[in-house]
Amino acid sequence: MLSLQNVTKLYGTVIGVNDVSAELGQGAHGLLGPNGAGKTTLLGLITGQLRPTIGSVNVFGEAPFGNRRILSRIGYCPAADLTERNATPREWVTYLMRLSGFDAAEAPRRAARALDEVGLGEACTRPLSTLSKGMRQRAKLAGAFAHDPDLLVLDEPFDGLDPVARHDLVHLVRMWSQTRSLIVASHLLHEVEALRADLAVILGGRLVANGSASEIRELVDALPTEVKFKTSSVDKLAQLACAAGVVETLYIPNEDTLIIGTRQAGRLADMVAKAVHDGLVVREVIAEDRTLEGIFSRLMKLHRGVEQ
């Protein structure tokens, strides 16, 4: 479906995307990264808005830049808010369908069907300026898929939404992913994970990890897990952990805190449990975040050279 070969995009001397190579098949894919990581630039290359400075981008076997046949198969929902605030959702989506080549009869029919599917049927005649951000997001999504594309590309579709609107849109996008290919760029990891998508992590314009959520977890699981202990017996606990052979790294930031890095978290937990049973006082144990959010944080640290 999508092939990126050594893709670099330069803006003068600024690198937007740096030597990215990837092969994405049919299905749902999440592109994860913080603001400024290069997500929007990469989506611009995939949707044919930008031409790569170096390398090649192929969507459905062809370069998308300037290729009307391929572009007609792509639906794009940008991160930027709608600027045509005086128009109604119906007028806006109908206009997009006319630009896509549908006639004056078919364009409004497609617009009405798409707006109804995203839950804007009753609000479709109100000016966009009077709608909430969540409703405007729904209008943008309707415009992206009303022409029934084979690939939907969504840039930060859940950003700035309240929890209810976010939940509803995640459910809607997940349904779409069952019948068409999907690329969602976001820094909201739990929503992307909820889409059951394969993941790619982009930092500093480079892809630093890709695969399923479980594969990325395994990548990070190979690194030491940090566990922080609050105890008045820092030296004693450190000695026990070292004697048990479960310590990769050990750090004592203050007199009542011990941080242990280990690849044997289970054995460390058993050792500490026995020590507590034998009378060692441990007031608090804080394990490293092993959710996808925590994994993302660790990948960022690795990319920046914080961890070795």
Protein backbone atom coordinates (compact mmCIF):
# COMPACT_ATOMS: atom_id res chain seq x y z
CA MET A 1 0.00 0.00 0.00
CA LEU A 2 2.77 2.47 1.00
CA SER A 3 6.49 2.35 0.32
CA LEU A 4 9.01 4.89 1.61
CA GLN A 5 12.59 4.49 0.41
CA ASN A 6 15.31 6.66 2.01
CA VAL A 7 12.95 9.64 2.09
CA THR A 8 14.37 13.01 3.15
CA LYS A 9 12.53 16.32 3.01
CA LEU A 10 14.48 19.55 3.40
CA TYR A 11 13.12 23.05 3.98
CA GLY A 12 16.19 25.03 3.05
CA THR A 13 18.72 23.87 5.65
CA VAL A 14 16.04 22.50 7.99
CA ILE A 15 15.43 18.75 7.91
CA GLY A 16 11.74 17.88 8.10
CA VAL A 17 12.10 14.13 7.51
CA ASN A 18 15.46 12.37 7.60
CA ASP A 19 16.18 9.18 5.62
CA VAL A 20 12.92 7.37 6.37
CA SER A 21 12.31 3.92 4.92
CA ALA A 22 9.20 1.85 5.63
CA GLU A 23 6.77 -0.56 4.02
CA LEU A 24 3.16 -0.37 5.20
CA GLY A 25 0.60 -2.90 4.04
CA GLN A 26 -3.18 -2.76 4.12
CA GLY A 27 -4.76 -2.06 7.48
CA ALA A 28 -4.46 0.48 10.28
CA HIS A 29 -1.21 2.23 11.15
CA GLY A 30 -0.39 4.73 13.87
CA LEU A 31 2.35 7.33 13.41
CA LEU A 32 3.45 8.47 16.85
CA GLY A 33 5.62 11.38 17.84
CA PRO A 34 5.68 14.64 19.79
CA ASN A 35 4.99 18.00 18.17
CA GLY A 36 7.79 18.90 15.77
CA ALA A 37 8.86 15.29 15.25
CA GLY A 38 8.11 15.32 11.51
CA LYS A 39 4.68 13.65 11.47
CA THR A 40 2.90 16.33 9.42
CA THR A 41 5.76 16.53 6.92
CA LEU A 42 5.67 12.77 6.45
CA LEU A 43 1.90 12.86 5.94
CA GLY A 44 2.36 15.67 3.42
CA LEU A 45 4.69 13.41 1.45
CA ILE A 46 2.28 10.46 1.64
CA THR A 47 -0.72 12.56 0.53
CA GLY A 48 1.14 14.16 -2.39
CA GLN A 49 1.24 17.69 -0.97
CA LEU A 50 5.04 17.58 -0.80
CA ARG A 51 7.72 16.13 -3.03
CA PRO A 52 10.66 14.39 -1.34
CA THR A 53 14.04 16.10 -1.64
CA ILE A 54 15.74 12.69 -1.65
CA GLY A 55 14.27 9.21 -1.98
CA SER A 56 10.91 7.95 -3.19
CA VAL A 57 7.33 7.73 -1.92
CA ASN A 58 4.90 5.29 -3.53
CA VAL A 59 1.23 4.87 -2.61
CA PHE A 60 -0.62 2.00 -4.29
CA GLY A 61 2.49 1.52 -6.44
CA GLU A 62 2.78 5.11 -7.75
CA ALA A 63 4.29 8.42 -6.65
CA PRO A 64 1.46 10.55 -5.24
CA PHE A 65 2.88 14.02 -5.96
CA GLY A 66 0.87 15.55 -8.84
CA ASN A 67 -0.84 12.18 -9.49
CA ARG A 68 -4.59 12.85 -9.64
CA ARG A 69 -5.44 9.16 -9.99
CA ILE A 70 -3.65 8.27 -6.75
CA LEU A 71 -4.78 11.40 -4.92
CA SER A 72 -8.41 10.52 -5.66
CA ARG A 73 -7.88 7.32 -3.65
CA ILE A 74 -6.63 9.21 -0.57
CA GLY A 75 -8.71 11.03 2.02
CA TYR A 76 -6.86 13.55 4.21
CA CYS A 77 -7.92 15.19 7.46
CA PRO A 78 -5.37 17.91 8.39
CA ALA A 79 -4.46 18.92 11.92
CA ALA A 80 -5.27 22.58 11.22
CA ASP A 81 -8.72 23.81 12.20
CA LEU A 82 -11.21 24.79 9.50
CA THR A 83 -10.83 28.38 8.34
CA GLU A 84 -14.07 28.68 6.36
CA ARG A 85 -16.06 29.54 9.49
CA ASN A 86 -18.95 31.21 7.64
CA ALA A 87 -19.74 28.06 5.69
CA THR A 88 -21.88 25.25 7.07
CA PRO A 89 -20.59 21.65 7.29
CA ARG A 90 -22.91 20.72 4.42
CA GLU A 91 -21.55 23.54 2.23
CA TRP A 92 -17.96 22.73 3.16
CA VAL A 93 -18.11 19.01 2.45
CA THR A 94 -20.17 19.55 -0.71
CA TYR A 95 -17.49 21.97 -1.93
CA LEU A 96 -14.80 19.33 -1.32
CA MET A 97 -16.82 16.75 -3.25
CA ARG A 98 -17.15 19.15 -6.19
CA LEU A 99 -13.36 19.60 -6.12
CA SER A 100 -13.09 15.80 -6.19
CA GLY A 101 -15.01 15.73 -9.47
CA PHE A 102 -18.54 14.82 -8.40
CA ASP A 103 -21.39 16.58 -10.19
CA ALA A 104 -23.87 19.03 -8.67
CA ALA A 105 -26.31 16.22 -7.83
CA GLU A 106 -23.91 13.63 -6.43
CA ALA A 107 -21.71 16.00 -4.37
CA PRO A 108 -24.45 17.05 -1.88
CA ARG A 109 -25.68 13.46 -1.59
CA ARG A 110 -22.21 12.28 -0.59
CA ALA A 111 -21.81 15.21 1.78
CA ALA A 112 -25.12 14.46 3.52
CA ARG A 113 -24.30 10.77 3.88
CA ALA A 114 -20.84 11.46 5.34
CA LEU A 115 -22.08 14.13 7.75
CA ASP A 116 -24.79 11.81 8.97
CA GLU A 117 -22.23 9.05 9.57
CA VAL A 118 -20.07 11.32 11.76
CA GLY A 119 -23.11 12.46 13.71
CA LEU A 120 -23.54 15.95 12.26
CA GLY A 121 -26.84 15.40 10.52
CA GLU A 122 -28.75 17.86 12.69
CA ALA A 123 -25.93 20.43 12.85
CA CYS A 124 -24.97 20.34 9.19
CA THR A 125 -26.76 23.62 8.39
CA ARG A 126 -25.23 25.64 11.21
CA PRO A 127 -22.21 27.89 10.47
CA LEU A 128 -18.91 26.25 11.40
CA SER A 129 -18.15 29.25 13.60
CA THR A 130 -20.99 28.23 15.94
CA LEU A 131 -19.83 24.62 16.36
CA SER A 132 -17.56 23.18 19.02
CA LYS A 133 -14.08 21.97 18.10
CA GLY A 134 -15.31 18.39 18.35
CA MET A 135 -18.06 19.11 15.82
CA ARG A 136 -15.60 20.83 13.48
CA GLN A 137 -13.34 17.78 13.76
CA ARG A 138 -16.28 15.63 12.72
CA ALA A 139 -16.86 17.93 9.71
CA LYS A 140 -13.20 17.55 8.70
CA LEU A 141 -13.46 13.77 8.98
CA ALA A 142 -16.61 13.79 6.84
CA GLY A 143 -14.75 15.76 4.19
CA ALA A 144 -11.89 13.25 4.28
CA PHE A 145 -13.95 10.13 3.62
CA ALA A 146 -17.06 11.35 1.73
CA HIS A 147 -15.49 10.42 -1.62
CA ASP A 148 -14.95 6.85 -0.31
CA PRO A 149 -11.13 6.73 -0.45
CA ASP A 150 -9.04 3.55 -0.21
CA LEU A 151 -6.65 5.24 2.24
CA LEU A 152 -7.59 7.62 5.06
CA VAL A 153 -4.80 9.82 6.44
CA LEU A 154 -5.68 11.62 9.68
CA ASP A 155 -3.36 14.17 11.31
CA GLU A 156 -3.98 14.59 15.07
CA PRO A 157 -7.71 13.88 14.72
CA PHE A 158 -8.26 13.65 18.50
CA ASP A 159 -6.25 16.71 19.56
CA GLY A 160 -8.10 19.17 21.80
CA LEU A 161 -11.27 17.11 22.12
CA ASP A 162 -13.15 16.51 25.34
CA PRO A 163 -13.17 12.87 26.57
CA VAL A 164 -16.65 12.08 25.24
CA ALA A 165 -15.95 13.44 21.75
CA ARG A 166 -12.57 11.69 21.72
CA HIS A 167 -14.12 8.35 22.66
CA ASP A 168 -16.80 8.70 19.97
CA LEU A 169 -14.28 9.58 17.24
CA VAL A 170 -11.91 6.76 18.21
CA HIS A 171 -14.83 4.34 17.85
CA LEU A 172 -15.80 5.84 14.49
CA VAL A 173 -12.26 5.73 13.08
CA ARG A 174 -11.82 2.15 14.30
CA MET A 175 -14.93 1.15 12.35
CA TRP A 176 -13.55 2.83 9.21
CA SER A 177 -10.27 0.92 9.55
CA GLN A 178 -12.17 -2.34 9.02
CA THR A 179 -13.00 -1.47 5.41
CA ARG A 180 -10.09 0.74 4.27
CA SER A 181 -6.45 1.44 5.04
CA LEU A 182 -5.76 4.03 7.68
CA ILE A 183 -2.82 6.15 8.86
CA VAL A 184 -3.35 8.17 12.04
CA ALA A 185 -0.69 10.59 13.27
CA SER A 186 -0.95 11.45 16.94
CA HIS A 187 0.86 12.01 20.20
CA LEU A 188 -2.10 10.56 22.12
CA LEU A 189 -0.86 7.03 22.38
CA HIS A 190 -3.75 5.38 24.15
CA GLU A 191 -6.16 6.48 21.39
CA VAL A 192 -3.88 5.08 18.69
CA GLU A 193 -3.49 1.86 20.67
CA ALA A 194 -7.30 1.70 20.90
CA LEU A 195 -7.41 1.64 17.08
CA ARG A 196 -5.52 -1.68 17.22
CA ALA A 197 -3.08 -0.26 14.69
CA ASP A 198 0.50 -1.16 13.90
CA LEU A 199 2.78 1.57 15.21
CA ALA A 200 5.67 3.64 13.93
CA VAL A 201 7.47 6.11 16.19
CA ILE A 202 9.02 9.21 14.64
CA LEU A 203 11.44 11.48 16.53
CA GLY A 204 13.58 14.23 15.09
CA GLY A 205 12.40 13.38 11.57
CA ARG A 206 13.54 9.74 11.86
CA LEU A 207 11.62 6.53 12.37
CA VAL A 208 13.09 5.05 15.53
CA ALA A 209 10.77 2.06 15.97
CA ASN A 210 7.96 0.31 14.14
CA GLY A 211 5.84 -2.79 14.54
CA SER A 212 2.86 -3.91 16.56
CA ALA A 213 2.27 -2.52 20.03
CA SER A 214 3.52 -5.81 21.49
CA GLU A 215 6.68 -5.72 19.35
CA ILE A 216 7.51 -2.21 20.50
CA ARG A 217 6.88 -3.32 24.07
CA GLU A 218 9.34 -6.20 23.55
CA LEU A 219 11.92 -3.76 22.18
CA VAL A 220 11.76 -1.68 25.33
CA ASP A 221 11.42 -4.71 27.60
CA ALA A 222 14.94 -5.65 26.55
CA LEU A 223 16.10 -2.53 28.41
CA PRO A 224 16.44 -2.39 32.20
CA THR A 225 13.26 -1.53 34.05
CA GLU A 226 13.65 1.16 36.72
CA VAL A 227 12.05 0.62 40.12
CA LYS A 228 12.15 3.34 42.77
CA PHE A 229 12.06 2.43 46.46
CA LYS A 230 11.37 4.77 49.34
CA THR A 231 12.99 3.26 52.45
CA SER A 232 14.96 4.24 55.52
CA SER A 233 17.25 1.26 54.84
CA VAL A 234 18.69 2.27 51.49
CA ASP A 235 22.10 0.65 52.04
CA LYS A 236 20.63 -2.61 53.27
CA LEU A 237 18.19 -2.90 50.35
CA ALA A 238 20.97 -2.09 47.87
CA GLN A 239 23.18 -4.81 49.37
CA LEU A 240 20.39 -7.40 49.19
CA ALA A 241 19.59 -6.53 45.56
CA CYS A 242 23.25 -6.74 44.52
CA ALA A 243 23.68 -10.04 46.35
CA ALA A 244 20.62 -11.43 44.54
CA GLY A 245 22.20 -10.62 41.18
CA VAL A 246 19.24 -8.63 39.85
CA VAL A 247 20.88 -5.19 39.53
CA GLU A 248 21.81 -3.63 36.18
CA THR A 249 22.04 -0.07 37.49
CA LEU A 250 21.79 1.42 40.96
CA TYR A 251 21.29 5.04 41.94
CA ILE A 252 20.81 6.69 45.35
CA PRO A 253 19.53 10.24 44.73
CA ASN A 254 18.96 10.94 48.45
CA GLU A 255 19.14 9.25 51.83
CA ASP A 256 15.74 7.54 51.64
CA THR A 257 15.46 6.76 47.91
CA LEU A 258 16.95 3.87 45.95
CA ILE A 259 16.48 3.43 42.18
CA ILE A 260 17.34 0.02 40.74
CA GLY A 261 17.51 -0.81 37.05
CA THR A 262 16.85 -4.50 36.37
CA ARG A 263 16.04 -6.95 33.61
CA GLN A 264 14.69 -9.35 36.24
CA ALA A 265 11.80 -7.42 37.74
CA GLY A 266 10.09 -10.58 38.95
CA ARG A 267 13.13 -11.77 40.91
CA LEU A 268 13.64 -8.27 42.31
CA ALA A 269 10.02 -8.18 43.49
CA ASP A 270 10.39 -11.59 45.18
CA MET A 271 13.60 -10.47 46.89
CA VAL A 272 12.03 -7.27 48.20
CA ALA A 273 8.92 -9.12 49.38
CA LYS A 274 11.08 -11.52 51.40
CA ALA A 275 13.11 -8.62 52.85
CA VAL A 276 9.92 -6.84 53.93
CA HIS A 277 8.65 -10.08 55.48
CA ASP A 278 11.93 -10.29 57.42
CA GLY A 279 11.41 -6.80 58.81
CA LEU A 280 12.85 -4.36 56.24
CA VAL A 281 10.68 -1.25 56.02
CA VAL A 282 9.82 -0.10 52.48
CA ARG A 283 7.38 2.81 52.46
CA GLU A 284 6.76 3.05 48.72
CA VAL A 285 7.56 1.21 45.50
CA ILE A 286 7.19 3.01 42.17
CA ALA A 287 7.59 0.81 39.09
CA GLU A 288 8.36 2.29 35.70
CA ASP A 289 5.37 2.96 33.47
CA ARG A 290 5.04 -0.06 31.15
CA THR A 291 2.02 1.27 29.29
CA LEU A 292 2.42 2.40 25.69
CA GLU A 293 2.71 5.95 27.01
CA GLY A 294 5.65 4.89 29.13
CA ILE A 295 7.25 3.03 26.24
CA PHE A 296 6.95 6.13 24.09
CA SER A 297 8.64 8.17 26.82
CA ARG A 298 11.52 5.71 26.99
CA LEU A 299 11.98 5.69 23.22
CA MET A 300 12.22 9.47 23.33
CA LYS A 301 14.88 9.24 26.04
CA LEU A 302 16.81 6.66 24.06
CA HIS A 303 16.71 8.82 20.94
CA ARG A 304 18.06 11.76 22.90
CA GLY A 305 20.83 9.68 24.41
CA VAL A 306 19.52 9.83 27.96
CA GLU A 307 19.74 6.06 28.41
CA GLN A 308 22.58 3.85 27.33
